């Protein structure tokens, strides 16, 4: 008899969790409190309590080839960076293709998830839900929490003395939907993450003046990278990831600074991060430097105090006649339907093995999916999490001892602080390629690079120097997809397809870049064997 799995939430993580359950022969039931799929990516004009909320103009920061699910490429005519409505369209196509909607109970709120009395032997959970005012309960063999971490706004009003005197309008960026009604205003945006930067840029086109206050500064990157390719298809390669791992930290820090300042000098724009050697998630925005050059946006330091109509900053400057303050200060996360002893949130952190499993449970039948912030796309990350989790639920993969898991949690947190710092916004941060490989290794889906060097050298070169996308994790192991190799070799075609709307004559340049990659691969192999001889 198939194990019954409760999936909480029908956003991105919930949808892929459903598919992974079905792929492994499990019997999922998804509880979604709203009337539709999509989670944070489904725009609604009205903000709803307990649900993620986005502004109308949101566009993805990761490209379609780096964001699609591993056995379902996005249509080649889709743009590389998608408007939220276009991404939602992909999710709808995906859900229809794999017939996932039949597993979802919409407008159903999960009230509680509790261990059954015989949990130590059965590993089962009692899930209480509410729909149309009626409560129901059911027993499940396992639970996957897929609620995300972008629905509980973090507004540290105590850090802004005088806010109670401020006569203008103030609200969290979660409340922002579109620029209508802000024309001619003097607006202060507090916080310079992706949302704060997007909102500041959008408002600056019609506002009298926009100020953006940043405590520590930030790196700003363009979505457009080398030769016009999407930034993540260039940045996230195994070769570059290897360099960042093996080179001395001082060299890596220097390389990061050089790369970030290649587009524009951040110091000249007042944006250089206070600790520029911390690998904080950069802001992806193609318009910020331009709006700064035009004076439509002005960068300010931390707000020290607010008066009835003005903002006083730590550097002593004052901006008068502020009409609106928007707090783009991030989110906290919580699980109101869980007991604190199960997943306890402290200082916006949770102790989960590999960001997924509570270490103290007698049975490994509970997991959080998507509770992570990779330096890359969340979609392939959540998918690999779900592929591993469902195999653990099925008994095909096993977790180590509680002691081993706790040691891993401690070491992982120390490494995270070393790389990304201690900011509240970085508590879920992790390296992208390293984490994907780590998850894939658990299920036997990590590409065997050494073997491919001899069996399929062309593919090996592409895997090592090309974009590290999700298709790579369908080449071998459970869930192997026969279209994976073809998807890897045709990704350039899908990247360029939506751009080539004007017909040009084909150029016949010799592929020098490919030759350089071959030489680089040879150098890596030689270095590897030399290291073996010396060891």
Protein backbone atom coordinates (compact mmCIF):
# COMPACT_ATOMS: atom_id res chain seq x y z
CA UNK A 1 0.00 0.00 0.00
CA UNK A 2 1.38 3.41 -1.04
CA UNK A 3 2.43 5.75 1.73
CA UNK A 4 0.19 8.80 2.17
CA UNK A 5 2.01 12.14 2.13
CA UNK A 6 0.59 15.53 3.15
CA UNK A 7 2.01 18.38 1.05
CA UNK A 8 1.33 21.80 2.56
CA UNK A 9 1.22 24.58 -0.05
CA UNK A 10 0.74 24.55 -3.83
CA UNK A 11 3.43 27.03 -4.78
CA UNK A 12 6.60 26.06 -6.65
CA UNK A 13 7.88 23.74 -3.91
CA UNK A 14 4.46 22.17 -3.44
CA UNK A 15 3.99 21.43 -7.14
CA UNK A 16 7.37 19.79 -7.58
CA UNK A 17 6.88 17.86 -4.33
CA UNK A 18 3.63 16.47 -5.71
CA UNK A 19 5.36 15.31 -8.88
CA UNK A 20 8.21 13.71 -6.95
CA UNK A 21 5.72 11.87 -4.73
CA UNK A 22 3.92 10.52 -7.78
CA UNK A 23 7.22 9.56 -9.44
CA UNK A 24 8.12 7.49 -6.37
CA UNK A 25 4.73 5.82 -6.15
CA UNK A 26 3.62 7.71 -3.06
CA UNK A 27 0.07 8.98 -2.52
CA UNK A 28 0.12 12.77 -2.01
CA UNK A 29 -2.59 15.15 -0.86
CA UNK A 30 -1.81 18.85 -1.16
CA UNK A 31 -3.52 21.45 1.03
CA UNK A 32 -3.60 24.96 -0.45
CA UNK A 33 -5.27 27.76 1.51
CA UNK A 34 -6.04 29.87 -1.61
CA UNK A 35 -8.03 29.07 -4.73
CA UNK A 36 -5.13 28.52 -7.14
CA UNK A 37 -1.54 27.34 -7.61
CA UNK A 38 1.57 29.49 -7.96
CA UNK A 39 2.27 30.74 -4.45
CA UNK A 40 4.37 33.90 -4.43
CA UNK A 41 4.36 34.06 -8.24
CA UNK A 42 0.61 34.55 -8.56
CA UNK A 43 -0.03 38.29 -8.52
CA UNK A 44 -3.16 39.55 -6.81
CA UNK A 45 -4.17 43.16 -6.48
CA UNK A 46 -5.21 42.68 -2.87
CA UNK A 47 -2.77 41.64 -0.13
CA UNK A 48 -3.95 38.57 1.77
CA UNK A 49 -2.92 37.58 5.28
CA UNK A 50 -0.72 34.50 5.45
CA UNK A 51 0.05 34.58 1.73
CA UNK A 52 3.08 35.84 -0.16
CA UNK A 53 2.51 39.04 -2.12
CA UNK A 54 4.33 40.55 -5.11
CA UNK A 55 4.12 43.78 -7.10
CA UNK A 56 2.69 43.74 -10.61
CA UNK A 57 5.97 44.29 -12.46
CA UNK A 58 8.02 41.49 -10.84
CA UNK A 59 10.36 39.70 -13.25
CA UNK A 60 12.50 36.68 -12.37
CA UNK A 61 16.14 37.21 -11.42
CA UNK A 62 17.15 33.77 -12.68
CA UNK A 63 16.84 32.78 -16.32
CA UNK A 64 14.46 30.20 -17.77
CA UNK A 65 17.16 27.64 -18.63
CA UNK A 66 18.53 27.80 -15.10
CA UNK A 67 15.09 27.81 -13.48
CA UNK A 68 13.07 25.12 -15.22
CA UNK A 69 12.37 21.71 -13.74
CA UNK A 70 14.83 19.03 -14.74
CA UNK A 71 12.68 17.02 -17.14
CA UNK A 72 10.47 19.81 -18.42
CA UNK A 73 12.25 22.67 -20.27
CA UNK A 74 10.36 25.92 -20.69
CA UNK A 75 9.02 26.65 -24.18
CA UNK A 76 11.81 28.00 -26.36
CA UNK A 77 9.80 31.09 -27.29
CA UNK A 78 9.54 32.15 -23.62
CA UNK A 79 11.77 35.14 -22.76
CA UNK A 80 14.88 34.41 -20.73
CA UNK A 81 13.74 36.39 -17.71
CA UNK A 82 10.03 35.96 -17.15
CA UNK A 83 7.35 38.30 -15.93
CA UNK A 84 5.47 36.71 -13.03
CA UNK A 85 2.45 36.01 -15.26
CA UNK A 86 4.64 34.13 -17.75
CA UNK A 87 6.24 32.04 -15.03
CA UNK A 88 2.80 31.21 -13.66
CA UNK A 89 1.87 30.07 -17.17
CA UNK A 90 4.81 27.63 -17.07
CA UNK A 91 3.61 26.26 -13.74
CA UNK A 92 0.15 25.75 -15.18
CA UNK A 93 1.57 23.89 -18.19
CA UNK A 94 3.71 21.80 -15.84
CA UNK A 95 0.78 20.95 -13.55
CA UNK A 96 -1.39 19.97 -16.52
CA UNK A 97 1.36 17.88 -18.15
CA UNK A 98 1.83 15.75 -15.05
CA UNK A 99 -1.84 15.87 -13.97
CA UNK A 100 -1.07 17.37 -10.56
CA UNK A 101 -4.23 19.40 -9.90
CA UNK A 102 -6.21 16.32 -8.92
CA UNK A 103 -4.05 15.96 -5.80
CA UNK A 104 -4.74 19.51 -4.54
CA UNK A 105 -7.47 20.54 -2.09
CA UNK A 106 -7.90 24.29 -2.64
CA UNK A 107 -9.18 26.81 -0.08
CA UNK A 108 -8.08 24.44 2.67
CA UNK A 109 -6.04 25.78 5.59
CA UNK A 110 -3.82 23.53 7.66
CA UNK A 111 -4.53 24.23 11.33
CA UNK A 112 -2.12 21.77 12.95
CA UNK A 113 0.35 18.98 12.27
CA UNK A 114 0.99 16.72 15.25
CA UNK A 115 2.70 13.39 15.85
CA UNK A 116 0.41 10.42 16.23
CA UNK A 117 0.60 8.72 19.67
CA UNK A 118 2.52 5.80 18.18
CA UNK A 119 4.90 8.04 16.18
CA UNK A 120 8.06 6.34 17.48
CA UNK A 121 7.00 3.17 15.70
CA UNK A 122 4.69 4.37 12.90
CA UNK A 123 6.21 7.78 12.03
CA UNK A 124 2.69 8.99 11.26
CA UNK A 125 1.18 12.46 11.58
CA UNK A 126 -2.29 13.80 12.34
CA UNK A 127 -3.10 16.76 10.08
CA UNK A 128 -6.05 18.98 10.97
CA UNK A 129 -7.45 21.20 8.20
CA UNK A 130 -10.28 23.67 7.73
CA UNK A 131 -12.33 24.20 4.58
CA UNK A 132 -15.59 26.10 4.22
CA UNK A 133 -15.66 26.54 7.98
CA UNK A 134 -15.48 22.80 8.66
CA UNK A 135 -12.59 21.07 10.37
CA UNK A 136 -11.31 17.70 9.28
CA UNK A 137 -8.44 15.49 10.37
CA UNK A 138 -6.53 12.74 8.61
CA UNK A 139 -3.51 10.58 9.31
CA UNK A 140 -0.51 10.69 6.96
CA UNK A 141 2.65 8.62 6.77
CA UNK A 142 4.77 11.70 6.01
CA UNK A 143 4.57 15.50 5.71
CA UNK A 144 6.25 17.96 3.32
CA UNK A 145 5.99 21.63 4.36
CA UNK A 146 6.16 23.85 1.25
CA UNK A 147 4.92 27.20 2.57
CA UNK A 148 7.99 29.28 1.71
CA UNK A 149 9.41 32.20 3.64
CA UNK A 150 8.02 35.36 2.03
CA UNK A 151 4.69 35.95 3.76
CA UNK A 152 5.53 37.34 7.24
CA UNK A 153 6.82 40.93 6.77
CA UNK A 154 9.70 42.06 8.95
CA UNK A 155 9.28 45.72 9.97
CA UNK A 156 11.75 46.69 12.72
CA UNK A 157 9.96 49.92 13.72
CA UNK A 158 11.90 50.10 17.01
CA UNK A 159 15.03 50.71 14.95
CA UNK A 160 13.52 53.93 13.59
CA UNK A 161 13.02 56.45 16.42
CA UNK A 162 10.34 59.01 15.62
CA UNK A 163 8.30 56.76 13.33
CA UNK A 164 5.29 57.36 15.54
CA UNK A 165 5.56 61.11 14.78
CA UNK A 166 5.86 60.70 11.03
CA UNK A 167 2.79 62.23 9.35
CA UNK A 168 3.28 60.66 5.95
CA UNK A 169 2.38 57.19 4.73
CA UNK A 170 4.54 54.18 5.58
CA UNK A 171 4.19 50.48 4.86
CA UNK A 172 6.12 47.28 4.10
CA UNK A 173 7.12 46.56 0.50
CA UNK A 174 4.72 43.61 0.64
CA UNK A 175 1.88 46.16 0.38
CA UNK A 176 3.29 47.74 -2.78
CA UNK A 177 1.55 46.74 -6.02
CA UNK A 178 2.18 49.40 -8.70
CA UNK A 179 3.34 53.04 -9.04
CA UNK A 180 -0.15 54.53 -9.41
CA UNK A 181 -0.82 57.21 -6.81
CA UNK A 182 2.83 57.95 -6.04
CA UNK A 183 3.33 60.54 -8.79
CA UNK A 184 5.08 63.72 -7.62
CA UNK A 185 5.90 62.26 -4.17
CA UNK A 186 9.17 62.34 -2.28
CA UNK A 187 9.70 58.71 -1.34
CA UNK A 188 12.15 56.99 0.98
CA UNK A 189 12.77 53.28 0.42
CA UNK A 190 14.49 51.60 3.37
CA UNK A 191 16.42 48.50 2.39
CA UNK A 192 18.27 47.73 -0.81
CA UNK A 193 17.57 44.13 -1.65
CA UNK A 194 15.97 43.10 -4.91
CA UNK A 195 12.48 44.27 -3.95
CA UNK A 196 13.66 47.62 -2.59
CA UNK A 197 15.72 48.30 -5.70
CA UNK A 198 12.93 47.28 -8.08
CA UNK A 199 10.39 49.47 -6.30
CA UNK A 200 12.76 52.45 -6.11
CA UNK A 201 13.49 52.23 -9.85
CA UNK A 202 9.83 51.90 -10.78
CA UNK A 203 8.70 54.80 -8.59
CA UNK A 204 11.57 57.05 -9.68
CA UNK A 205 10.08 57.39 -13.16
CA UNK A 206 7.16 59.49 -11.90
CA UNK A 207 8.01 60.52 -8.34
CA UNK A 208 9.47 63.92 -7.50
CA UNK A 209 12.44 62.19 -5.84
CA UNK A 210 13.28 58.71 -4.55
CA UNK A 211 15.81 58.06 -1.80
CA UNK A 212 17.04 54.59 -0.97
CA UNK A 213 18.60 53.94 2.43
CA UNK A 214 21.06 51.08 2.76
CA UNK A 215 22.74 50.02 5.99
CA UNK A 216 25.62 48.05 4.53
CA UNK A 217 25.58 48.79 0.79
CA UNK A 218 25.27 46.10 -1.87
CA UNK A 219 26.66 44.79 -5.12
CA UNK A 220 24.43 45.44 -8.12
CA UNK A 221 24.56 43.13 -11.13
CA UNK A 222 22.93 43.21 -14.54
CA UNK A 223 20.86 40.33 -15.82
CA UNK A 224 22.94 40.63 -18.99
CA UNK A 225 26.36 38.99 -18.83
CA UNK A 226 29.17 38.03 -21.23
CA UNK A 227 28.16 38.14 -24.92
CA UNK A 228 24.66 39.08 -23.79
CA UNK A 229 23.88 35.74 -22.17
CA UNK A 230 21.88 35.61 -18.91
CA UNK A 231 24.10 36.20 -15.90
CA UNK A 232 23.40 32.88 -14.19
CA UNK A 233 24.18 30.79 -17.26
CA UNK A 234 27.66 32.34 -17.19
CA UNK A 235 28.23 32.56 -13.43
CA UNK A 236 26.97 29.11 -12.39
CA UNK A 237 29.33 26.66 -14.06
CA UNK A 238 31.24 23.80 -12.46
CA UNK A 239 34.51 25.31 -13.63
CA UNK A 240 33.87 28.65 -11.94
CA UNK A 241 32.49 26.96 -8.85
CA UNK A 242 35.63 24.82 -8.64
CA UNK A 243 37.84 27.91 -8.89
CA UNK A 244 35.92 29.61 -6.08
CA UNK A 245 36.40 26.50 -3.93
CA UNK A 246 40.11 25.76 -4.57
CA UNK A 247 41.64 29.23 -4.89
CA UNK A 248 42.79 31.05 -1.73
CA UNK A 249 40.02 33.12 -0.17
CA UNK A 250 41.96 36.35 -0.69
CA UNK A 251 42.15 35.63 -4.42
CA UNK A 252 38.46 34.73 -4.58
CA UNK A 253 37.51 37.94 -2.75
CA UNK A 254 39.62 39.99 -5.16
CA UNK A 255 38.02 38.22 -8.14
CA UNK A 256 34.52 38.90 -6.81
CA UNK A 257 35.28 42.59 -6.30
CA UNK A 258 36.73 42.89 -9.81
CA UNK A 259 33.76 41.12 -11.33
CA UNK A 260 31.19 43.19 -9.47
CA UNK A 261 32.90 46.47 -10.41
CA UNK A 262 33.25 45.54 -14.08
CA UNK A 263 29.91 47.14 -14.96
CA UNK A 264 30.36 50.27 -12.82
CA UNK A 265 32.46 51.32 -9.83
CA UNK A 266 30.26 50.81 -6.78
CA UNK A 267 32.34 53.13 -4.62
CA UNK A 268 31.64 56.04 -6.97
CA UNK A 269 27.91 55.40 -6.62
CA UNK A 270 27.93 55.08 -2.82
CA UNK A 271 26.95 51.43 -3.07
CA UNK A 272 30.13 49.52 -2.20
CA UNK A 273 29.23 46.99 0.54
CA UNK A 274 30.56 47.75 4.00
CA UNK A 275 32.07 44.28 4.12
CA UNK A 276 32.68 43.78 0.43
CA UNK A 277 34.30 40.39 0.91
CA UNK A 278 31.17 38.75 2.28
CA UNK A 279 29.37 36.85 -0.49
CA UNK A 280 26.06 38.58 0.11
CA UNK A 281 23.38 37.95 -2.48
CA UNK A 282 23.76 40.72 -5.10
CA UNK A 283 20.93 42.86 -6.37
CA UNK A 284 19.89 42.00 -9.93
CA UNK A 285 18.77 45.24 -11.52
CA UNK A 286 19.62 46.69 -14.92
CA UNK A 287 18.31 50.19 -14.17
CA UNK A 288 19.75 51.21 -10.79
CA UNK A 289 23.02 52.77 -12.12
CA UNK A 290 21.12 54.66 -14.81
CA UNK A 291 18.56 56.08 -12.35
CA UNK A 292 21.40 57.13 -10.05
CA UNK A 293 23.17 58.86 -12.93
CA UNK A 294 19.95 60.71 -13.75
CA UNK A 295 19.52 61.74 -10.12
CA UNK A 296 16.09 60.16 -9.96
CA UNK A 297 17.34 57.96 -7.11
CA UNK A 298 19.75 59.08 -4.39
CA UNK A 299 21.54 56.63 -2.11
CA UNK A 300 21.49 57.45 1.59
CA UNK A 301 23.02 55.90 4.71
CA UNK A 302 21.09 54.33 7.60
CA UNK A 303 18.12 56.27 8.96
CA UNK A 304 18.99 57.60 12.42
CA UNK A 305 15.71 59.32 13.24
CA UNK A 306 12.42 60.39 11.72
CA UNK A 307 10.49 63.58 12.36
CA UNK A 308 6.99 64.57 11.30
CA UNK A 309 8.10 65.23 7.72
CA UNK A 310 11.81 64.45 7.41
CA UNK A 311 14.43 61.73 7.70
CA UNK A 312 17.75 62.23 9.52
CA UNK A 313 20.56 59.91 8.46
CA UNK A 314 23.62 58.59 10.31
CA UNK A 315 25.97 60.75 8.23
CA UNK A 316 24.18 63.88 9.52
CA UNK A 317 22.32 64.69 6.32
CA UNK A 318 18.60 65.45 6.38
CA UNK A 319 15.96 65.00 3.69
CA UNK A 320 12.89 67.16 4.16
CA UNK A 321 9.29 66.78 3.04
CA UNK A 322 9.22 62.99 2.84
CA UNK A 323 5.74 61.87 1.79
CA UNK A 324 6.10 58.08 1.81
CA UNK A 325 8.36 55.54 3.51
CA UNK A 326 8.50 51.99 2.15
CA UNK A 327 10.13 49.38 4.37
CA UNK A 328 11.83 46.86 2.07
CA UNK A 329 13.24 45.14 5.14
CA UNK A 330 12.63 41.53 4.26
CA UNK A 331 10.66 38.76 5.87
CA UNK A 332 10.60 36.51 8.89
CA UNK A 333 9.28 33.00 8.68
CA UNK A 334 7.14 30.92 10.98
CA UNK A 335 5.09 27.75 11.03
CA UNK A 336 1.95 28.49 13.07
CA UNK A 337 0.55 25.00 12.44
CA UNK A 338 3.63 23.28 13.95
CA UNK A 339 4.75 22.83 17.52
CA UNK A 340 7.93 24.73 18.43
CA UNK A 341 9.57 21.48 19.44
CA UNK A 342 9.31 20.28 15.84
CA UNK A 343 10.70 23.24 13.89
CA UNK A 344 11.73 26.04 16.24
CA UNK A 345 12.45 29.44 14.70
CA UNK A 346 15.08 31.48 16.61
CA UNK A 347 16.55 34.72 15.26
CA UNK A 348 15.02 33.89 11.87
CA UNK A 349 16.88 30.58 11.83
CA UNK A 350 15.85 26.95 12.03
CA UNK A 351 18.03 23.92 12.76
CA UNK A 352 17.38 21.52 9.92
CA UNK A 353 19.69 18.89 8.46
CA UNK A 354 20.73 20.21 5.05
CA UNK A 355 17.94 22.81 5.42
CA UNK A 356 15.36 20.01 5.17
CA UNK A 357 15.06 17.48 8.02
CA UNK A 358 14.65 18.00 11.79
CA UNK A 359 17.51 16.00 13.30
CA UNK A 360 15.78 14.87 16.48
CA UNK A 361 12.84 12.87 15.10
CA UNK A 362 12.72 9.10 15.69
CA UNK A 363 11.37 8.63 12.17
CA UNK A 364 12.42 10.63 9.08
CA UNK A 365 8.89 11.39 7.91
CA UNK A 366 8.87 15.19 8.04
CA UNK A 367 10.63 17.64 5.71
CA UNK A 368 10.69 21.31 4.74
CA UNK A 369 11.02 22.02 1.02
CA UNK A 370 12.22 25.37 -0.37
CA UNK A 371 13.21 26.84 3.00
CA UNK A 372 16.49 28.01 1.54
CA UNK A 373 18.02 30.94 -0.35
CA UNK A 374 20.56 29.68 -2.88
CA UNK A 375 22.79 32.00 -4.90
CA UNK A 376 20.83 30.80 -7.90
CA UNK A 377 17.37 29.57 -8.81
CA UNK A 378 15.17 28.13 -6.06
CA UNK A 379 13.25 25.88 -8.49
CA UNK A 380 15.91 23.23 -9.30
CA UNK A 381 17.01 23.42 -5.66
CA UNK A 382 13.54 22.62 -4.33
CA UNK A 383 13.19 19.87 -6.91
CA UNK A 384 16.35 18.05 -5.80
CA UNK A 385 15.28 18.47 -2.19
CA UNK A 386 11.93 16.86 -3.00
CA UNK A 387 13.53 14.04 -5.01
CA UNK A 388 15.72 13.16 -2.03
CA UNK A 389 12.95 13.54 0.55
CA UNK A 390 10.52 11.27 -1.27
CA UNK A 391 13.17 8.56 -1.51
CA UNK A 392 13.83 8.90 2.22
CA UNK A 393 10.09 8.57 2.87
CA UNK A 394 10.03 5.46 0.69
CA UNK A 395 12.95 3.92 2.57
CA UNK A 396 15.32 3.95 -0.41
CA UNK A 397 17.62 6.55 1.19
CA UNK A 398 18.54 6.81 4.85
CA UNK A 399 19.61 9.67 7.09
CA UNK A 400 22.64 9.46 9.40
CA UNK A 401 22.46 9.46 13.19
CA UNK A 402 21.08 12.46 15.10
CA UNK A 403 24.59 13.25 16.36
CA UNK A 404 26.00 13.29 12.81
CA UNK A 405 23.15 15.49 11.59
CA UNK A 406 23.59 17.97 14.45
CA UNK A 407 27.32 18.22 13.76
CA UNK A 408 26.54 18.92 10.11
CA UNK A 409 24.04 21.64 11.07
CA UNK A 410 26.64 23.36 13.30
CA UNK A 411 29.44 23.18 10.72
CA UNK A 412 27.14 24.32 7.91
CA UNK A 413 26.05 27.34 9.94
CA UNK A 414 29.66 28.28 10.73
CA UNK A 415 30.54 28.07 7.04
CA UNK A 416 27.47 30.13 6.12
CA UNK A 417 28.48 32.91 8.51
CA UNK A 418 32.03 32.86 7.16
CA UNK A 419 30.84 33.18 3.58
CA UNK A 420 27.68 35.27 3.86
CA UNK A 421 27.81 37.04 7.22
CA UNK A 422 25.34 37.13 10.12
CA UNK A 423 22.64 39.37 8.66
CA UNK A 424 19.06 38.21 9.16
CA UNK A 425 18.59 38.25 5.40
CA UNK A 426 21.39 35.70 4.95
CA UNK A 427 20.26 32.96 7.37
CA UNK A 428 19.11 30.68 4.53
CA UNK A 429 21.94 31.47 2.12
CA UNK A 430 23.95 28.69 0.49
CA UNK A 431 26.26 28.12 -2.46
CA UNK A 432 24.34 27.02 -5.52
CA UNK A 433 26.32 24.37 -7.43
CA UNK A 434 27.82 22.83 -4.28
CA UNK A 435 24.40 22.37 -2.68
CA UNK A 436 22.82 20.91 -5.83
CA UNK A 437 25.64 18.38 -6.12
CA UNK A 438 25.33 17.55 -2.44
CA UNK A 439 21.63 16.74 -2.83
CA UNK A 440 22.14 14.86 -6.09
CA UNK A 441 24.82 12.72 -4.46
CA UNK A 442 22.28 11.56 -1.88
CA UNK A 443 20.09 9.99 -4.58
CA UNK A 444 22.81 8.90 -6.99
CA UNK A 445 21.98 11.55 -9.60
CA UNK A 446 25.22 13.55 -9.56
CA UNK A 447 26.96 13.33 -12.96
CA UNK A 448 30.06 11.11 -12.94
CA UNK A 449 32.43 13.57 -14.58
CA UNK A 450 35.47 11.25 -14.70
CA UNK A 451 33.47 8.47 -16.34
CA UNK A 452 31.98 10.84 -18.89
CA UNK A 453 35.46 12.07 -19.85
CA UNK A 454 36.05 8.70 -21.49
CA UNK A 455 32.52 7.71 -22.51
CA UNK A 456 31.19 11.05 -23.73
CA UNK A 457 33.92 13.74 -23.69
CA UNK A 458 31.76 16.27 -25.53
CA UNK A 459 29.14 16.05 -22.81
CA UNK A 460 31.81 16.15 -20.11
CA UNK A 461 33.15 19.43 -21.52
CA UNK A 462 29.64 20.87 -21.61
CA UNK A 463 28.93 19.81 -18.03
CA UNK A 464 32.17 21.27 -16.70
CA UNK A 465 32.28 24.57 -18.58
CA UNK A 466 28.64 25.11 -19.47
CA UNK A 467 25.73 26.25 -17.29
CA UNK A 468 25.06 23.96 -14.33
CA UNK A 469 21.35 23.54 -14.91
CA UNK A 470 18.83 21.00 -13.71
CA UNK A 471 19.06 18.70 -16.76
CA UNK A 472 22.44 17.48 -15.51
CA UNK A 473 20.71 15.70 -12.66
CA UNK A 474 18.58 13.58 -14.98
CA UNK A 475 21.47 11.99 -16.89
CA UNK A 476 21.83 9.06 -14.51
CA UNK A 477 20.37 7.56 -11.36
CA UNK A 478 16.71 7.37 -10.31
CA UNK A 479 14.38 9.45 -12.44
CA UNK A 480 16.75 9.34 -15.40
CA UNK A 481 15.29 11.25 -18.35
CA UNK A 482 16.22 10.24 -21.87
CA UNK A 483 15.88 13.82 -23.08
CA UNK A 484 18.45 15.22 -20.62
CA UNK A 485 21.49 15.07 -22.91
CA UNK A 486 19.59 16.70 -25.77
CA UNK A 487 18.25 19.41 -23.44
CA UNK A 488 21.82 20.24 -22.37
CA UNK A 489 23.05 20.57 -25.95
CA UNK A 490 20.06 22.61 -27.14
CA UNK A 491 19.88 25.09 -24.26
CA UNK A 492 21.72 27.78 -26.26
CA UNK A 493 19.04 27.47 -28.93
CA UNK A 494 16.31 28.08 -26.36
CA UNK A 495 18.20 31.04 -24.89
CA UNK A 496 18.59 32.74 -28.27
CA UNK A 497 15.21 31.82 -29.81
CA UNK A 498 13.18 34.67 -28.20
CA UNK A 499 15.93 37.18 -29.06
CA UNK A 500 16.22 36.41 -32.78
CA UNK A 501 13.09 38.15 -33.97
CA UNK A 502 14.99 39.84 -36.81
CA UNK A 503 16.48 37.51 -39.42
CA UNK A 504 20.22 37.92 -40.03
CA UNK A 505 22.68 36.06 -42.21
CA UNK A 506 24.52 33.31 -40.37
CA UNK A 507 28.12 34.08 -39.44
CA UNK A 508 30.75 31.36 -39.80
CA UNK A 509 33.26 32.22 -37.10
CA UNK A 510 35.56 29.43 -35.92
CA UNK A 511 34.53 28.32 -32.42
CA UNK A 512 37.68 29.49 -30.63
CA UNK A 513 35.87 29.43 -27.29
CA UNK A 514 35.30 25.70 -27.65
CA UNK A 515 39.01 25.11 -28.34
CA UNK A 516 39.91 27.11 -25.22
CA UNK A 517 37.52 24.99 -23.17
CA UNK A 518 39.16 21.80 -24.45
CA UNK A 519 42.60 23.14 -23.50
CA UNK A 520 41.29 24.15 -20.08
CA UNK A 521 39.83 20.68 -19.55
CA UNK A 522 43.14 19.07 -20.48
CA UNK A 523 44.90 21.34 -17.97
CA UNK A 524 42.45 20.29 -15.23
CA UNK A 525 42.96 16.59 -15.99
CA UNK A 526 46.76 16.98 -16.00
CA UNK A 527 46.64 18.84 -12.69
CA UNK A 528 44.42 16.12 -11.23
CA UNK A 529 46.82 13.30 -12.15
CA UNK A 530 49.83 15.29 -11.00
CA UNK A 531 48.15 15.77 -7.62
CA UNK A 532 47.54 12.01 -7.40
CA UNK A 533 51.23 11.31 -8.04
CA UNK A 534 52.36 13.75 -5.38
CA UNK A 535 49.89 12.48 -2.77
